Amino acid sequence: MADAAADQVETGRKRSLMPLIGGAVLALALGGVGFYATWSGLILSPTGHGGPTVEAGPVPLPDIAFVPVDPIVISLGRDTTLSHLRFTAQLEVAKANAADVALLMPRIIDVINGYLRAVAVSRLENPGALVELRAQMLRRIQMVTGEGRVRDLLVTEFVLN
């Protein structure tokens, strides 16, 4: 009688594991099917159909030109271990405005020079300050050249020594 009870408990345990194993296998299979459908583009594709997407080719570049800003060297003063700042940049403009911006380059250099001389050396030494300095210089350049002529200021050299 004790053997019959032990067999019944043992088969009961085997039966209770079968639904768990079956559920795990089913979950893995459905997960694999879902992954394949998403990866292949059958569902959730940006084109809305399951076929392969064909690239149209590279997107043409916008109508831009770069006007170089002459290198500027600024003395930082006697109160610091650093003595000079060397600054070089390029101005991103529409091709139609390149000649106008090049004509105004002496004013642009004057504005950049004046601004960089007014900035405290402690701000220049901060690595994250370049983003703020760039935005301030771009705004001043846009005021000199007029709205819409200069799109961006690309700093190519900013060296403290």
N, C-alpha and C. Protein backbone atom coordinates (compact mmCIF):
# COMPACT_ATOMS: atom_id res chain seq x y z
N MET A 1 0.80 -1.17 0.00
CA MET A 1 0.00 0.00 0.00
C MET A 1 0.86 1.26 0.00
N ALA A 2 1.97 1.23 0.65
CA ALA A 2 2.88 2.36 0.68
C ALA A 2 3.50 2.59 -0.69
N ASP A 3 3.72 1.44 -1.44
CA ASP A 3 4.29 1.58 -2.78
C ASP A 3 3.32 2.24 -3.74
N ALA A 4 2.04 1.97 -3.64
CA ALA A 4 1.03 2.56 -4.51
C ALA A 4 0.93 4.06 -4.27
N ALA A 5 1.01 4.50 -3.03
CA ALA A 5 0.94 5.92 -2.70
C ALA A 5 2.16 6.65 -3.23
N ALA A 6 3.32 6.03 -3.15
CA ALA A 6 4.55 6.65 -3.65
C ALA A 6 4.51 6.77 -5.16
N ASP A 7 3.98 5.76 -5.89
CA ASP A 7 3.86 5.83 -7.33
C ASP A 7 2.91 6.95 -7.75
N GLN A 8 1.82 7.09 -7.00
CA GLN A 8 0.82 8.11 -7.34
C GLN A 8 1.40 9.52 -7.15
N VAL A 9 2.18 9.73 -6.10
CA VAL A 9 2.80 11.03 -5.85
C VAL A 9 3.84 11.32 -6.94
N GLU A 10 4.60 10.29 -7.34
CA GLU A 10 5.62 10.46 -8.36
C GLU A 10 5.01 10.81 -9.71
N THR A 11 3.95 10.14 -10.12
CA THR A 11 3.30 10.45 -11.39
C THR A 11 2.60 11.79 -11.32
N GLY A 12 2.15 12.21 -10.19
CA GLY A 12 1.52 13.52 -10.02
C GLY A 12 2.53 14.64 -10.25
N ARG A 13 3.73 14.43 -9.81
CA ARG A 13 4.77 15.43 -10.02
C ARG A 13 5.14 15.51 -11.49
N LYS A 14 5.20 14.38 -12.16
CA LYS A 14 5.53 14.38 -13.59
C LYS A 14 4.44 15.07 -14.38
N ARG A 15 3.20 14.86 -14.02
CA ARG A 15 2.10 15.52 -14.72
C ARG A 15 2.11 17.02 -14.48
N SER A 16 2.47 17.48 -13.33
CA SER A 16 2.46 18.91 -13.04
C SER A 16 3.61 19.64 -13.75
N LEU A 17 4.69 18.96 -14.11
CA LEU A 17 5.79 19.59 -14.84
C LEU A 17 5.52 19.68 -16.33
N MET A 18 4.71 18.82 -16.90
CA MET A 18 4.45 18.82 -18.34
C MET A 18 3.81 20.12 -18.83
N PRO A 19 2.80 20.68 -18.16
CA PRO A 19 2.25 21.97 -18.64
C PRO A 19 3.27 23.10 -18.55
N LEU A 20 4.13 23.07 -17.54
CA LEU A 20 5.15 24.10 -17.40
C LEU A 20 6.16 24.02 -18.55
N ILE A 21 6.62 22.84 -18.86
CA ILE A 21 7.57 22.66 -19.96
C ILE A 21 6.91 23.00 -21.29
N GLY A 22 5.68 22.57 -21.47
CA GLY A 22 4.96 22.89 -22.70
C GLY A 22 4.76 24.39 -22.88
N GLY A 23 4.45 25.10 -21.80
CA GLY A 23 4.28 26.56 -21.85
C GLY A 23 5.57 27.27 -22.19
N ALA A 24 6.69 26.78 -21.62
CA ALA A 24 7.99 27.39 -21.90
C ALA A 24 8.37 27.20 -23.37
N VAL A 25 8.15 26.00 -23.91
CA VAL A 25 8.45 25.75 -25.32
C VAL A 25 7.57 26.61 -26.21
N LEU A 26 6.30 26.72 -25.89
CA LEU A 26 5.38 27.54 -26.67
C LEU A 26 5.77 29.02 -26.62
N ALA A 27 6.18 29.51 -25.44
CA ALA A 27 6.60 30.90 -25.30
C ALA A 27 7.85 31.18 -26.13
N LEU A 28 8.81 30.26 -26.11
CA LEU A 28 10.01 30.44 -26.93
C LEU A 28 9.69 30.44 -28.41
N ALA A 29 8.81 29.56 -28.83
CA ALA A 29 8.44 29.50 -30.24
C ALA A 29 7.74 30.78 -30.68
N LEU A 30 6.79 31.26 -29.87
CA LEU A 30 6.08 32.49 -30.23
C LEU A 30 7.02 33.70 -30.19
N GLY A 31 7.95 33.72 -29.25
CA GLY A 31 8.93 34.81 -29.21
C GLY A 31 9.81 34.81 -30.44
N GLY A 32 10.23 33.63 -30.88
CA GLY A 32 11.04 33.53 -32.09
C GLY A 32 10.29 33.99 -33.32
N VAL A 33 9.03 33.59 -33.43
CA VAL A 33 8.21 34.01 -34.57
C VAL A 33 8.01 35.52 -34.55
N GLY A 34 7.76 36.09 -33.38
CA GLY A 34 7.58 37.55 -33.27
C GLY A 34 8.85 38.30 -33.62
N PHE A 35 10.00 37.80 -33.16
CA PHE A 35 11.27 38.43 -33.50
C PHE A 35 11.51 38.40 -35.00
N TYR A 36 11.30 37.24 -35.62
CA TYR A 36 11.52 37.13 -37.06
C TYR A 36 10.58 38.06 -37.84
N ALA A 37 9.33 38.14 -37.42
CA ALA A 37 8.37 38.98 -38.14
C ALA A 37 8.76 40.46 -38.04
N THR A 38 9.25 40.87 -36.89
CA THR A 38 9.66 42.26 -36.72
C THR A 38 10.96 42.53 -37.45
N TRP A 39 11.92 41.64 -37.33
CA TRP A 39 13.22 41.82 -37.95
C TRP A 39 13.14 41.82 -39.47
N SER A 40 12.30 41.00 -40.03
CA SER A 40 12.20 40.92 -41.49
C SER A 40 11.30 42.01 -42.07
N GLY A 41 10.59 42.73 -41.23
CA GLY A 41 9.73 43.81 -41.71
C GLY A 41 8.32 43.39 -42.02
N LEU A 42 7.94 42.19 -41.63
CA LEU A 42 6.57 41.76 -41.88
C LEU A 42 5.57 42.57 -41.05
N ILE A 43 5.97 42.97 -39.85
CA ILE A 43 5.13 43.83 -39.02
C ILE A 43 6.00 44.98 -38.52
N LEU A 44 5.36 46.07 -38.22
CA LEU A 44 6.01 47.27 -37.68
C LEU A 44 7.07 47.85 -38.61
N SER A 45 6.94 47.64 -39.91
CA SER A 45 7.91 48.22 -40.84
C SER A 45 7.47 49.64 -41.21
N PRO A 46 8.43 50.55 -41.43
CA PRO A 46 8.06 51.92 -41.76
C PRO A 46 7.39 52.05 -43.12
N THR A 47 7.60 51.09 -44.02
CA THR A 47 7.00 51.19 -45.36
C THR A 47 5.58 50.66 -45.38
N GLY A 48 5.19 49.90 -44.38
CA GLY A 48 3.81 49.41 -44.28
C GLY A 48 3.56 48.13 -45.04
N HIS A 49 4.56 47.55 -45.68
CA HIS A 49 4.38 46.27 -46.35
C HIS A 49 5.54 45.37 -45.98
N GLY A 50 5.38 44.11 -46.26
CA GLY A 50 6.37 43.14 -45.82
C GLY A 50 7.53 42.96 -46.76
N GLY A 51 7.51 43.56 -47.91
CA GLY A 51 8.58 43.38 -48.89
C GLY A 51 9.84 44.11 -48.47
N PRO A 52 10.94 43.78 -49.10
CA PRO A 52 12.19 44.47 -48.76
C PRO A 52 12.15 45.92 -49.22
N THR A 53 12.75 46.78 -48.43
CA THR A 53 12.79 48.20 -48.78
C THR A 53 13.99 48.46 -49.67
N VAL A 54 13.81 49.32 -50.64
CA VAL A 54 14.87 49.67 -51.57
C VAL A 54 15.29 51.11 -51.27
N GLU A 55 16.56 51.29 -51.05
CA GLU A 55 17.09 52.63 -50.79
C GLU A 55 17.04 53.44 -52.08
N ALA A 56 16.64 54.69 -51.97
CA ALA A 56 16.55 55.56 -53.13
C ALA A 56 17.91 56.14 -53.51
N GLY A 57 18.91 55.95 -52.68
CA GLY A 57 20.23 56.51 -52.93
C GLY A 57 20.53 57.55 -51.87
N PRO A 58 21.72 58.10 -51.91
CA PRO A 58 22.06 59.10 -50.90
C PRO A 58 21.25 60.38 -51.10
N VAL A 59 20.94 60.99 -49.99
CA VAL A 59 20.21 62.25 -50.01
C VAL A 59 21.17 63.34 -50.47
N PRO A 60 20.77 64.18 -51.40
CA PRO A 60 21.69 65.23 -51.87
C PRO A 60 22.01 66.21 -50.74
N LEU A 61 23.22 66.72 -50.76
CA LEU A 61 23.64 67.69 -49.75
C LEU A 61 22.89 69.00 -49.94
N PRO A 62 22.66 69.71 -48.84
CA PRO A 62 22.02 71.01 -48.99
C PRO A 62 22.95 72.00 -49.70
N ASP A 63 22.39 73.07 -50.15
CA ASP A 63 23.12 74.09 -50.90
C ASP A 63 23.92 74.95 -49.92
N ILE A 64 25.10 74.45 -49.49
CA ILE A 64 25.89 75.15 -48.49
C ILE A 64 27.30 75.42 -48.99
N ALA A 65 27.91 76.37 -48.32
CA ALA A 65 29.32 76.69 -48.55
C ALA A 65 29.94 77.00 -47.19
N PHE A 66 31.25 76.86 -47.10
CA PHE A 66 31.96 77.16 -45.86
C PHE A 66 32.91 78.31 -46.10
N VAL A 67 32.80 79.33 -45.28
CA VAL A 67 33.66 80.50 -45.38
C VAL A 67 34.63 80.44 -44.21
N PRO A 68 35.94 80.37 -44.48
CA PRO A 68 36.91 80.27 -43.38
C PRO A 68 37.05 81.59 -42.63
N VAL A 69 37.20 81.47 -41.33
CA VAL A 69 37.51 82.62 -40.48
C VAL A 69 39.01 82.57 -40.23
N ASP A 70 39.68 83.68 -40.44
CA ASP A 70 41.12 83.73 -40.22
C ASP A 70 41.45 83.34 -38.78
N PRO A 71 42.60 82.70 -38.55
CA PRO A 71 42.98 82.34 -37.18
C PRO A 71 43.11 83.58 -36.30
N ILE A 72 42.63 83.46 -35.09
CA ILE A 72 42.69 84.55 -34.12
C ILE A 72 43.52 84.07 -32.94
N VAL A 73 44.50 84.87 -32.53
CA VAL A 73 45.32 84.57 -31.36
C VAL A 73 45.07 85.69 -30.36
N ILE A 74 44.66 85.29 -29.15
CA ILE A 74 44.31 86.26 -28.11
C ILE A 74 45.22 86.03 -26.91
N SER A 75 45.82 87.11 -26.41
CA SER A 75 46.61 86.98 -25.18
C SER A 75 45.65 87.00 -24.00
N LEU A 76 45.90 86.12 -23.04
CA LEU A 76 44.97 85.93 -21.94
C LEU A 76 45.32 86.74 -20.69
N GLY A 77 46.43 87.39 -20.67
CA GLY A 77 46.79 88.22 -19.52
C GLY A 77 47.89 87.60 -18.69
N ARG A 78 48.28 88.34 -17.65
CA ARG A 78 49.43 87.93 -16.83
C ARG A 78 49.03 87.13 -15.60
N ASP A 79 47.76 87.13 -15.23
CA ASP A 79 47.32 86.51 -13.98
C ASP A 79 47.09 85.01 -14.09
N THR A 80 47.39 84.41 -15.21
CA THR A 80 47.09 83.00 -15.41
C THR A 80 48.32 82.26 -15.93
N THR A 81 48.33 80.95 -15.76
CA THR A 81 49.43 80.14 -16.28
C THR A 81 49.34 80.00 -17.79
N LEU A 82 48.15 80.18 -18.33
CA LEU A 82 47.95 80.13 -19.79
C LEU A 82 48.23 81.51 -20.35
N SER A 83 48.83 81.55 -21.53
CA SER A 83 49.17 82.87 -22.07
C SER A 83 48.40 83.23 -23.33
N HIS A 84 47.99 82.23 -24.15
CA HIS A 84 47.33 82.54 -25.41
C HIS A 84 46.18 81.58 -25.71
N LEU A 85 45.24 82.08 -26.48
CA LEU A 85 44.16 81.26 -27.04
C LEU A 85 44.27 81.37 -28.55
N ARG A 86 44.31 80.22 -29.21
CA ARG A 86 44.32 80.19 -30.68
C ARG A 86 42.96 79.66 -31.11
N PHE A 87 42.26 80.45 -31.94
CA PHE A 87 40.90 80.12 -32.37
C PHE A 87 40.82 80.17 -33.89
N THR A 88 40.28 79.10 -34.49
CA THR A 88 40.03 79.04 -35.92
C THR A 88 38.65 78.44 -36.13
N ALA A 89 37.94 78.92 -37.15
CA ALA A 89 36.58 78.43 -37.38
C ALA A 89 36.22 78.54 -38.86
N GLN A 90 35.06 77.95 -39.18
CA GLN A 90 34.45 78.05 -40.50
C GLN A 90 32.99 78.45 -40.29
N LEU A 91 32.47 79.25 -41.19
CA LEU A 91 31.07 79.65 -41.15
C LEU A 91 30.30 78.88 -42.21
N GLU A 92 29.22 78.22 -41.79
CA GLU A 92 28.36 77.52 -42.74
C GLU A 92 27.31 78.49 -43.24
N VAL A 93 27.28 78.70 -44.56
CA VAL A 93 26.36 79.66 -45.18
C VAL A 93 25.74 79.03 -46.42
N ALA A 94 24.66 79.62 -46.88
CA ALA A 94 24.11 79.22 -48.18
C ALA A 94 25.08 79.71 -49.26
N LYS A 95 25.19 78.96 -50.34
CA LYS A 95 26.14 79.35 -51.41
C LYS A 95 25.87 80.75 -51.92
N ALA A 96 24.62 81.14 -51.96
CA ALA A 96 24.27 82.48 -52.46
C ALA A 96 24.78 83.58 -51.53
N ASN A 97 24.99 83.26 -50.24
CA ASN A 97 25.42 84.27 -49.27
C ASN A 97 26.92 84.24 -49.00
N ALA A 98 27.65 83.35 -49.62
CA ALA A 98 29.08 83.19 -49.32
C ALA A 98 29.87 84.47 -49.61
N ALA A 99 29.61 85.11 -50.71
CA ALA A 99 30.35 86.34 -51.05
C ALA A 99 30.03 87.47 -50.08
N ASP A 100 28.76 87.59 -49.69
CA ASP A 100 28.38 88.64 -48.73
C ASP A 100 29.05 88.44 -47.38
N VAL A 101 29.09 87.18 -46.92
CA VAL A 101 29.70 86.89 -45.63
C VAL A 101 31.21 87.10 -45.69
N ALA A 102 31.84 86.72 -46.80
CA ALA A 102 33.28 86.95 -46.95
C ALA A 102 33.60 88.44 -46.97
N LEU A 103 32.72 89.25 -47.54
CA LEU A 103 32.90 90.69 -47.56
C LEU A 103 32.86 91.28 -46.14
N LEU A 104 32.05 90.68 -45.27
CA LEU A 104 31.90 91.17 -43.90
C LEU A 104 32.89 90.53 -42.92
N MET A 105 33.87 89.79 -43.42
CA MET A 105 34.79 89.06 -42.54
C MET A 105 35.55 89.96 -41.56
N PRO A 106 36.00 91.16 -41.92
CA PRO A 106 36.66 92.00 -40.90
C PRO A 106 35.76 92.32 -39.71
N ARG A 107 34.48 92.56 -39.96
CA ARG A 107 33.54 92.80 -38.85
C ARG A 107 33.33 91.55 -38.01
N ILE A 108 33.26 90.39 -38.67
CA ILE A 108 33.06 89.12 -37.97
C ILE A 108 34.26 88.84 -37.06
N ILE A 109 35.46 89.04 -37.57
CA ILE A 109 36.66 88.82 -36.76
C ILE A 109 36.70 89.79 -35.59
N ASP A 110 36.29 91.03 -35.81
CA ASP A 110 36.24 92.01 -34.73
C ASP A 110 35.28 91.57 -33.63
N VAL A 111 34.12 91.08 -34.00
CA VAL A 111 33.13 90.65 -33.01
C VAL A 111 33.64 89.44 -32.22
N ILE A 112 34.23 88.46 -32.92
CA ILE A 112 34.76 87.27 -32.24
C ILE A 112 35.91 87.66 -31.31
N ASN A 113 36.80 88.50 -31.82
CA ASN A 113 37.95 88.95 -31.03
C ASN A 113 37.49 89.67 -29.77
N GLY A 114 36.56 90.59 -29.91
CA GLY A 114 36.05 91.33 -28.75
C GLY A 114 35.38 90.42 -27.74
N TYR A 115 34.60 89.46 -28.21
CA TYR A 115 33.91 88.56 -27.30
C TYR A 115 34.90 87.66 -26.55
N LEU A 116 35.85 87.07 -27.27
CA LEU A 116 36.79 86.16 -26.62
C LEU A 116 37.71 86.87 -25.64
N ARG A 117 38.02 88.14 -25.90
CA ARG A 117 38.83 88.91 -24.94
C ARG A 117 38.05 89.21 -23.66
N ALA A 118 36.73 89.30 -23.75
CA ALA A 118 35.91 89.63 -22.59
C ALA A 118 35.59 88.41 -21.72
N VAL A 119 35.78 87.22 -22.24
CA VAL A 119 35.45 86.00 -21.49
C VAL A 119 36.54 85.73 -20.46
N ALA A 120 36.12 85.36 -19.26
CA ALA A 120 37.07 85.05 -18.19
C ALA A 120 37.85 83.77 -18.53
N VAL A 121 39.10 83.73 -18.13
CA VAL A 121 39.96 82.59 -18.42
C VAL A 121 39.40 81.33 -17.77
N SER A 122 38.81 81.45 -16.60
CA SER A 122 38.25 80.27 -15.93
C SER A 122 37.15 79.63 -16.76
N ARG A 123 36.37 80.43 -17.49
CA ARG A 123 35.35 79.86 -18.38
C ARG A 123 35.97 79.20 -19.59
N LEU A 124 37.07 79.74 -20.09
CA LEU A 124 37.75 79.14 -21.25
C LEU A 124 38.34 77.78 -20.91
N GLU A 125 38.79 77.60 -19.67
CA GLU A 125 39.40 76.35 -19.25
C GLU A 125 38.40 75.24 -19.06
N ASN A 126 37.14 75.57 -18.86
CA ASN A 126 36.09 74.57 -18.65
C ASN A 126 35.82 73.83 -19.96
N PRO A 127 35.95 72.49 -19.99
CA PRO A 127 35.75 71.75 -21.24
C PRO A 127 34.34 71.88 -21.82
N GLY A 128 33.34 72.03 -21.00
CA GLY A 128 31.97 72.13 -21.49
C GLY A 128 31.58 73.52 -21.94
N ALA A 129 32.44 74.49 -21.75
CA ALA A 129 32.10 75.87 -22.08
C ALA A 129 32.13 76.15 -23.57
N LEU A 130 32.77 75.29 -24.35
CA LEU A 130 32.88 75.55 -25.79
C LEU A 130 31.52 75.61 -26.46
N VAL A 131 30.58 74.83 -26.00
CA VAL A 131 29.24 74.84 -26.58
C VAL A 131 28.58 76.20 -26.36
N GLU A 132 28.67 76.71 -25.14
CA GLU A 132 28.09 78.02 -24.84
C GLU A 132 28.82 79.14 -25.58
N LEU A 133 30.15 79.07 -25.60
CA LEU A 133 30.93 80.09 -26.30
C LEU A 133 30.58 80.11 -27.79
N ARG A 134 30.44 78.94 -28.37
CA ARG A 134 30.10 78.82 -29.78
C ARG A 134 28.74 79.45 -30.07
N ALA A 135 27.77 79.18 -29.21
CA ALA A 135 26.43 79.74 -29.40
C ALA A 135 26.45 81.26 -29.27
N GLN A 136 27.21 81.78 -28.32
CA GLN A 136 27.30 83.24 -28.14
C GLN A 136 27.97 83.89 -29.35
N MET A 137 29.05 83.27 -29.84
CA MET A 137 29.74 83.84 -31.01
C MET A 137 28.85 83.77 -32.25
N LEU A 138 28.14 82.66 -32.43
CA LEU A 138 27.25 82.53 -33.59
C LEU A 138 26.17 83.61 -33.56
N ARG A 139 25.59 83.85 -32.41
CA ARG A 139 24.55 84.89 -32.31
C ARG A 139 25.12 86.26 -32.67
N ARG A 140 26.31 86.57 -32.22
CA ARG A 140 26.93 87.86 -32.54
C ARG A 140 27.26 87.96 -34.04
N ILE A 141 27.72 86.86 -34.63
CA ILE A 141 28.02 86.85 -36.06
C ILE A 141 26.75 87.04 -36.87
N GLN A 142 25.67 86.41 -36.45
CA GLN A 142 24.39 86.57 -37.15
C GLN A 142 23.87 87.99 -37.04
N MET A 143 24.16 88.66 -35.96
CA MET A 143 23.75 90.06 -35.83
C MET A 143 24.54 90.95 -36.79
N VAL A 144 25.83 90.63 -36.98
CA VAL A 144 26.67 91.42 -37.89
C VAL A 144 26.28 91.18 -39.34
N THR A 145 26.07 89.93 -39.71
CA THR A 145 25.81 89.59 -41.11
C THR A 145 24.35 89.73 -41.50
N GLY A 146 23.46 89.77 -40.55
CA GLY A 146 22.04 89.83 -40.84
C GLY A 146 21.42 88.44 -40.70
N GLU A 147 20.17 88.40 -40.30
CA GLU A 147 19.48 87.13 -40.07
C GLU A 147 19.43 86.30 -41.35
N GLY A 148 19.69 85.00 -41.20
CA GLY A 148 19.54 84.07 -42.30
C GLY A 148 20.75 83.87 -43.18
N ARG A 149 21.81 84.65 -42.99
CA ARG A 149 22.99 84.50 -43.84
C ARG A 149 23.92 83.41 -43.33
N VAL A 150 24.15 83.35 -42.03
CA VAL A 150 25.06 82.37 -41.44
C VAL A 150 24.23 81.33 -40.71
N ARG A 151 24.40 80.07 -41.11
CA ARG A 151 23.64 78.97 -40.49
C ARG A 151 24.31 78.45 -39.23
N ASP A 152 25.65 78.32 -39.27
CA ASP A 152 26.33 77.69 -38.15
C ASP A 152 27.78 78.15 -38.08
N LEU A 153 28.35 78.03 -36.90
CA LEU A 153 29.76 78.31 -36.66
C LEU A 153 30.42 77.00 -36.29
N LEU A 154 31.40 76.58 -37.09
CA LEU A 154 32.10 75.33 -36.86
C LEU A 154 33.50 75.64 -36.33
N VAL A 155 33.73 75.34 -35.08
CA VAL A 155 35.02 75.63 -34.45
C VAL A 155 36.00 74.52 -34.86
N THR A 156 37.06 74.91 -35.55
CA THR A 156 38.03 73.93 -36.02
C THR A 156 39.28 73.88 -35.15
N GLU A 157 39.53 74.96 -34.39
CA GLU A 157 40.67 74.97 -33.49
C GLU A 157 40.37 75.88 -32.32
N PHE A 158 40.60 75.35 -31.11
CA PHE A 158 40.39 76.10 -29.87
C PHE A 158 41.47 75.62 -28.92
N VAL A 159 42.61 76.27 -28.95
CA VAL A 159 43.77 75.79 -28.20
C VAL A 159 44.19 76.84 -27.18
N LEU A 160 44.27 76.41 -25.93
CA LEU A 160 44.79 77.25 -24.86
C LEU A 160 46.22 76.79 -24.56
N ASN A 161 47.17 77.74 -24.56
CA ASN A 161 48.54 77.36 -24.18
C ASN A 161 49.21 78.47 -23.44
